[in-house]
C-alpha atoms as a PDB file:
ATOM      1  CA  MET A   1      -8.878  27.645 -46.784  1.00  0.00           C
ATOM      2  CA  LYS A   2     -10.731  25.088 -45.155  1.00  0.00           C
ATOM      3  CA  ASP A   3      -9.866  23.432 -42.361  1.00  0.00           C
ATOM      4  CA  ILE A   4      -9.938  20.119 -44.076  1.00  0.00           C
ATOM      5  CA  VAL A   5      -9.224  16.887 -42.175  1.00  0.00           C
ATOM      6  CA  LEU A   6      -8.568  13.598 -43.529  1.00  0.00           C
ATOM      7  CA  GLU A   7      -8.857  10.590 -41.712  1.00  0.00           C
ATOM      8  CA  SER A   8      -8.167   6.354 -42.111  1.00  0.00           C
ATOM      9  CA  ASP A   9      -7.632   4.049 -39.314  1.00  0.00           C
ATOM     10  CA  ARG A  10      -4.353   5.361 -38.017  1.00  0.00           C
ATOM     11  CA  LEU A  11      -3.719   8.026 -40.004  1.00  0.00           C
ATOM     12  CA  LEU A  12      -5.701  12.163 -39.727  1.00  0.00           C
ATOM     13  CA  ILE A  13      -4.205  14.606 -42.539  1.00  0.00           C
ATOM     14  CA  ARG A  14      -5.090  17.875 -41.398  1.00  0.00           C
ATOM     15  CA  PRO A  15      -2.997  22.033 -42.024  1.00  0.00           C
ATOM     16  CA  PHE A  16      -0.601  22.660 -39.575  1.00  0.00           C
ATOM     17  CA  ARG A  17      -0.879  25.562 -36.592  1.00  0.00           C
ATOM     18  CA  LEU A  18       0.735  26.715 -34.057  1.00  0.00           C
ATOM     19  CA  GLY A  19       1.782  24.184 -31.289  1.00  0.00           C
ATOM     20  CA  ASP A  20       2.907  22.181 -34.223  1.00  0.00           C
ATOM     21  CA  GLU A  21       6.537  23.412 -33.810  1.00  0.00           C
ATOM     22  CA  GLN A  22       8.347  21.311 -31.641  1.00  0.00           C
ATOM     23  CA  ASP A  23       7.227  18.144 -33.802  1.00  0.00           C
ATOM     24  CA  VAL A  24       7.746  19.879 -37.113  1.00  0.00           C
ATOM     25  CA  PHE A  25      11.196  20.808 -35.644  1.00  0.00           C
ATOM     26  CA  GLU A  26      11.799  16.905 -34.696  1.00  0.00           C
ATOM     27  CA  PHE A  27      11.288  16.013 -38.398  1.00  0.00           C
ATOM     28  CA  SER A  28      13.064  19.003 -39.659  1.00  0.00           C
ATOM     29  CA  SER A  29      16.038  18.767 -37.452  1.00  0.00           C
ATOM     30  CA  ASP A  30      16.772  15.034 -38.275  1.00  0.00           C
ATOM     31  CA  GLU A  31      19.554  14.647 -40.710  1.00  0.00           C
ATOM     32  CA  GLU A  32      18.127  11.424 -41.299  1.00  0.00           C
ATOM     33  CA  VAL A  33      14.740  12.805 -42.544  1.00  0.00           C
ATOM     34  CA  THR A  34      16.478  15.684 -44.370  1.00  0.00           C
ATOM     35  CA  LYS A  35      19.218  14.311 -46.186  1.00  0.00           C
ATOM     36  CA  TYR A  36      16.940  13.509 -49.083  1.00  0.00           C
ATOM     37  CA  THR A  37      15.377  16.588 -49.412  1.00  0.00           C
ATOM     38  CA  GLY A  38      17.249  19.087 -50.457  1.00  0.00           C
ATOM     39  CA  ASP A  39      16.894  21.099 -47.447  1.00  0.00           C
ATOM     40  CA  LYS A  40      18.923  22.616 -44.964  1.00  0.00           C
ATOM     41  CA  VAL A  41      18.625  20.806 -41.482  1.00  0.00           C
ATOM     42  CA  ARG A  42      16.648  23.050 -38.880  1.00  0.00           C
ATOM     43  CA  THR A  43      18.495  23.907 -35.332  1.00  0.00           C
ATOM     44  CA  THR A  44      16.347  26.266 -33.728  1.00  0.00           C
ATOM     45  CA  LEU A  45      12.173  25.593 -32.502  1.00  0.00           C
ATOM     46  CA  SER A  46      11.849  29.544 -34.126  1.00  0.00           C
ATOM     47  CA  GLU A  47      12.647  27.728 -37.490  1.00  0.00           C
ATOM     48  CA  ALA A  48      10.552  25.546 -37.468  1.00  0.00           C
ATOM     49  CA  LYS A  49       7.990  27.807 -36.390  1.00  0.00           C
ATOM     50  CA  LYS A  50       8.908  29.968 -39.025  1.00  0.00           C
ATOM     51  CA  ILE A  51       8.103  27.497 -41.373  1.00  0.00           C
ATOM     52  CA  ILE A  52       4.830  26.899 -40.056  1.00  0.00           C
ATOM     53  CA  THR A  53       3.966  30.924 -40.092  1.00  0.00           C
ATOM     54  CA  ASP A  54       6.092  31.955 -43.016  1.00  0.00           C
ATOM     55  CA  VAL A  55       5.611  29.034 -45.806  1.00  0.00           C
ATOM     56  CA  TRP A  56       2.861  26.617 -45.208  1.00  0.00           C
ATOM     57  CA  TYR A  57       0.059  29.357 -43.709  1.00  0.00           C
ATOM     58  CA  PRO A  58       0.940  31.986 -46.773  1.00  0.00           C
ATOM     59  CA  ASP A  59       0.403  28.744 -49.109  1.00  0.00           C
ATOM     60  CA  TYR A  60      -2.849  27.751 -47.714  1.00  0.00           C
ATOM     61  CA  GLU A  61      -3.878  31.292 -47.846  1.00  0.00           C
ATOM     62  CA  LYS A  62      -2.713  31.995 -51.277  1.00  0.00           C
ATOM     63  CA  TYR A  63      -3.295  28.346 -52.566  1.00  0.00           C
ATOM     64  CA  GLY A  64      -6.058  26.923 -50.439  1.00  0.00           C
ATOM     65  CA  TYR A  65      -3.891  24.042 -49.844  1.00  0.00           C
ATOM     66  CA  GLY A  66       0.062  23.024 -49.236  1.00  0.00           C
ATOM     67  CA  ARG A  67       1.972  20.495 -47.080  1.00  0.00           C
ATOM     68  CA  PHE A  68      -0.434  19.141 -44.023  1.00  0.00           C
ATOM     69  CA  ALA A  69       0.156  17.563 -41.432  1.00  0.00           C
ATOM     70  CA  VAL A  70       0.042  14.089 -40.616  1.00  0.00           C
ATOM     71  CA  ILE A  71      -0.893  12.039 -37.520  1.00  0.00           C
ATOM     72  CA  TYR A  72      -0.078   9.012 -36.852  1.00  0.00           C
ATOM     73  CA  LYS A  73      -3.156   8.190 -34.525  1.00  0.00           C
ATOM     74  CA  PRO A  74      -1.966   4.865 -32.793  1.00  0.00           C
ATOM     75  CA  ASP A  75       1.050   7.107 -30.803  1.00  0.00           C
ATOM     76  CA  ASN A  76      -0.923  10.128 -31.003  1.00  0.00           C
ATOM     77  CA  LYS A  77       2.098  12.246 -32.532  1.00  0.00           C
ATOM     78  CA  LEU A  78       2.580  14.058 -35.611  1.00  0.00           C
ATOM     79  CA  ILE A  79       4.884  12.663 -37.677  1.00  0.00           C
ATOM     80  CA  GLY A  80       5.996  14.600 -40.455  1.00  0.00           C
ATOM     81  CA  PHE A  81       3.581  16.190 -43.587  1.00  0.00           C
ATOM     82  CA  ASN A  82       2.616  15.042 -46.900  1.00  0.00           C
ATOM     83  CA  GLY A  83       0.985  17.247 -50.350  1.00  0.00           C
ATOM     84  CA  PHE A  84       1.044  19.955 -52.113  1.00  0.00           C
ATOM     85  CA  LYS A  85       3.101  23.118 -52.606  1.00  0.00           C
ATOM     86  CA  TYR A  86       2.471  25.505 -55.816  1.00  0.00           C
ATOM     87  CA  HIS A  87       5.377  26.985 -57.111  1.00  0.00           C
ATOM     88  CA  PRO A  88       4.734  30.468 -58.759  1.00  0.00           C
ATOM     89  CA  ASP A  89       7.865  30.846 -60.730  1.00  0.00           C
ATOM     90  CA  GLU A  90       7.393  27.922 -62.421  1.00  0.00           C
ATOM     91  CA  ASN A  91       3.848  27.058 -63.194  1.00  0.00           C
ATOM     92  CA  PHE A  92       4.083  23.946 -61.477  1.00  0.00           C
ATOM     93  CA  THR A  93       2.552  21.915 -58.088  1.00  0.00           C
ATOM     94  CA  ASP A  94       4.975  19.093 -55.874  1.00  0.00           C
ATOM     95  CA  PHE A  95       3.704  16.405 -54.382  1.00  0.00           C
ATOM     96  CA  GLY A  96       5.897  15.520 -51.285  1.00  0.00           C
ATOM     97  CA  TYR A  97       6.128  14.000 -48.226  1.00  0.00           C
ATOM     98  CA  ARG A  98       8.574  13.816 -45.091  1.00  0.00           C
ATOM     99  CA  PHE A  99       8.484  11.344 -42.141  1.00  0.00           C
ATOM    100  CA  LEU A 100       9.698  10.575 -39.019  1.00  0.00           C
ATOM    101  CA  SER A 101      12.007   7.590 -39.652  1.00  0.00           C
ATOM    102  CA  LYS A 102      10.716   5.279 -36.755  1.00  0.00           C
ATOM    103  CA  TYR A 103       7.650   5.451 -38.699  1.00  0.00           C
ATOM    104  CA  TRP A 104       9.116   4.754 -42.426  1.00  0.00           C
ATOM    105  CA  GLY A 105       8.404   1.113 -43.848  1.00  0.00           C
ATOM    106  CA  MET A 106       5.276   1.372 -42.255  1.00  0.00           C
ATOM    107  CA  GLY A 107       3.023   2.667 -45.626  1.00  0.00           C
ATOM    108  CA  ILE A 108       2.150   5.739 -44.433  1.00  0.00           C
ATOM    109  CA  ALA A 109       3.648   7.643 -46.485  1.00  0.00           C
ATOM    110  CA  THR A 110       1.885   4.980 -49.181  1.00  0.00           C
ATOM    111  CA  GLU A 111      -1.370   5.869 -47.384  1.00  0.00           C
ATOM    112  CA  SER A 112      -0.957   9.624 -46.849  1.00  0.00           C
ATOM    113  CA  SER A 113      -0.096   9.546 -50.336  1.00  0.00           C
ATOM    114  CA  LYS A 114      -3.177   8.420 -51.549  1.00  0.00           C
ATOM    115  CA  MET A 115      -5.494  10.175 -49.490  1.00  0.00           C
ATOM    116  CA  LEU A 116      -4.283  13.285 -50.322  1.00  0.00           C
ATOM    117  CA  LEU A 117      -4.486  13.210 -53.741  1.00  0.00           C
ATOM    118  CA  GLU A 118      -7.919  11.705 -53.454  1.00  0.00           C
ATOM    119  CA  TYR A 119      -8.975  14.917 -51.999  1.00  0.00           C
ATOM    120  CA  GLY A 120      -6.677  17.004 -53.539  1.00  0.00           C
ATOM    121  CA  TYR A 121      -8.297  15.816 -57.163  1.00  0.00           C
ATOM    122  CA  LYS A 122     -11.183  16.713 -56.130  1.00  0.00           C
ATOM    123  CA  ASN A 123     -12.018  19.480 -54.268  1.00  0.00           C
ATOM    124  CA  LEU A 124      -8.583  21.730 -55.554  1.00  0.00           C
ATOM    125  CA  PRO A 125      -7.879  23.579 -58.771  1.00  0.00           C
ATOM    126  CA  ILE A 126      -5.090  21.222 -59.606  1.00  0.00           C
ATOM    127  CA  ASP A 127      -4.784  19.283 -62.912  1.00  0.00           C
ATOM    128  CA  GLU A 128      -1.176  17.690 -62.855  1.00  0.00           C
ATOM    129  CA  VAL A 129       1.417  17.536 -59.681  1.00  0.00           C
ATOM    130  CA  LEU A 130       5.070  16.781 -60.274  1.00  0.00           C
ATOM    131  CA  ALA A 131       7.260  15.143 -57.681  1.00  0.00           C
ATOM    132  CA  PHE A 132      10.955  14.953 -57.360  1.00  0.00           C
ATOM    133  CA  VAL A 133      13.091  12.593 -55.866  1.00  0.00           C
ATOM    134  CA  MET A 134      17.010  11.920 -55.381  1.00  0.00           C
ATOM    135  CA  GLN A 135      18.066   8.333 -56.454  1.00  0.00           C
ATOM    136  CA  GLU A 136      19.694   7.434 -53.513  1.00  0.00           C
ATOM    137  CA  ASN A 137      16.205   7.106 -52.494  1.00  0.00           C
ATOM    138  CA  PRO A 138      14.070   4.854 -54.198  1.00  0.00           C
ATOM    139  CA  ALA A 139      11.903   4.479 -51.061  1.00  0.00           C
ATOM    140  CA  SER A 140      10.404   7.275 -52.763  1.00  0.00           C
ATOM    141  CA  SER A 141      10.007   6.273 -55.943  1.00  0.00           C
ATOM    142  CA  ASN A 142       8.452   3.182 -54.261  1.00  0.00           C
ATOM    143  CA  VAL A 143       5.659   5.368 -52.938  1.00  0.00           C
ATOM    144  CA  LEU A 144       5.265   7.736 -56.251  1.00  0.00           C
ATOM    145  CA  LYS A 145       4.639   4.427 -57.943  1.00  0.00           C
ATOM    146  CA  LYS A 146       2.294   2.666 -55.812  1.00  0.00           C
ATOM    147  CA  ASN A 147      -0.202   5.886 -56.096  1.00  0.00           C
ATOM    148  CA  GLY A 148       0.048   5.562 -59.803  1.00  0.00           C
ATOM    149  CA  PHE A 149       3.237   8.409 -61.042  1.00  0.00           C
ATOM    150  CA  GLN A 150       4.609   8.261 -64.090  1.00  0.00           C
ATOM    151  CA  PHE A 151       8.516   8.534 -63.927  1.00  0.00           C
ATOM    152  CA  LYS A 152       9.356  11.495 -66.372  1.00  0.00           C
ATOM    153  CA  LYS A 153      13.507  12.072 -66.484  1.00  0.00           C
ATOM    154  CA  LEU A 154      16.259  12.752 -64.987  1.00  0.00           C
ATOM    155  CA  ALA A 155      16.760  16.506 -64.682  1.00  0.00           C
ATOM    156  CA  GLY A 156      17.612  19.123 -62.304  1.00  0.00           C
ATOM    157  CA  TYR A 157      15.019  20.133 -59.667  1.00  0.00           C
ATOM    158  CA  PRO A 158      13.098  23.502 -61.475  1.00  0.00           C
ATOM    159  CA  GLY A 159      15.177  26.046 -60.797  1.00  0.00           C
ATOM    160  CA  GLU A 160      17.866  25.099 -59.694  1.00  0.00           C
ATOM    161  CA  GLY A 161      19.879  24.045 -63.009  1.00  0.00           C
ATOM    162  CA  GLU A 162      20.731  20.651 -63.513  1.00  0.00           C
ATOM    163  CA  GLU A 163      24.323  20.618 -61.639  1.00  0.00           C
ATOM    164  CA  LYS A 164      22.854  17.962 -58.875  1.00  0.00           C
ATOM    165  CA  LYS A 165      19.862  15.669 -60.635  1.00  0.00           C
ATOM    166  CA  TYR A 166      16.392  14.482 -59.588  1.00  0.00           C
ATOM    167  CA  GLU A 167      13.948  11.351 -60.255  1.00  0.00           C
ATOM    168  CA  TRP A 168      11.101  13.736 -62.268  1.00  0.00           C
ATOM    169  CA  TYR A 169       7.325  12.428 -61.936  1.00  0.00           C
ATOM    170  CA  SER A 170       4.211  13.817 -62.559  1.00  0.00           C
ATOM    171  CA  ILE A 171       0.619  12.157 -62.346  1.00  0.00           C
ATOM    172  CA  ASN A 172      -3.046  14.130 -63.628  1.00  0.00           C
ATOM    173  CA  LYS A 173      -6.426  14.199 -62.521  1.00  0.00           C
ATOM    174  CA  LYS A 174      -6.894  11.873 -65.640  1.00  0.00           C
ATOM    175  CA  GLU A 175      -4.985   9.428 -64.934  1.00  0.00           C
ATOM    176  CA  HIS A 176      -4.975   9.491 -61.737  1.00  0.00           C
ATOM    177  CA  ASN A 177      -9.345   9.113 -61.687  1.00  0.00           C
ATOM    178  CA  LYS A 178      -8.471   6.051 -63.855  1.00  0.00           C
ATOM    179  CA  ILE A 179      -6.873   4.518 -61.140  1.00  0.00           C
ATOM    180  CA  ILE A 180      -9.144   4.978 -59.011  1.00  0.00           C
ATOM    181  CA  THR A 181     -12.246   3.773 -61.124  1.00  0.00           C
ATOM    182  CA  GLU A 182     -10.402   0.699 -61.761  1.00  0.00           C
ATOM    183  CA  GLN A 183      -9.113   0.032 -58.006  1.00  0.00           C
ATOM    184  CA  GLN A 184     -13.274   0.285 -56.989  1.00  0.00           C
ATOM    185  CA  LYS A 185     -14.036  -2.492 -59.724  1.00  0.00           C
ATOM    186  CA  LYS A 186     -12.066  -4.805 -57.991  1.00  0.00           C
END
């Protein structure tokens, strides 16, 4: 994977690298951050490092994309991630984000999502992305809607059964490109 860097006035987005484990630990060990993710709370720095080396690096290598580090430039701080994750068993690409709660409500999830969707549909072999949101997290649903995702159904997370229901959203390349074209006309 080429070492992509996306940048706006406020954000820098790049692949994760060794040296980021303290920041990954900070957002992965925070119960406020993880409560809507379905992921377990990380309790050690070595667990955070394993996410980088055993999850994100292999995704970059195998698929050419994955979750990317989001740095908030005014604080020069890695505050979370945004991006894609391919699920080969179910053959779909998931879109997701996670940020330190201090940075919630600032438009960062919406802004970084827009940047990554534009990059992804221009440069990656992705035709459609799905996103899954716990019903208790309407703020995350709003981020997806602002980026053109459409609600599809309420169902269990793929491969995990129907015990817990998630809101399913999707956007394909054609829908995304139509939104970009309409925005450019304004």
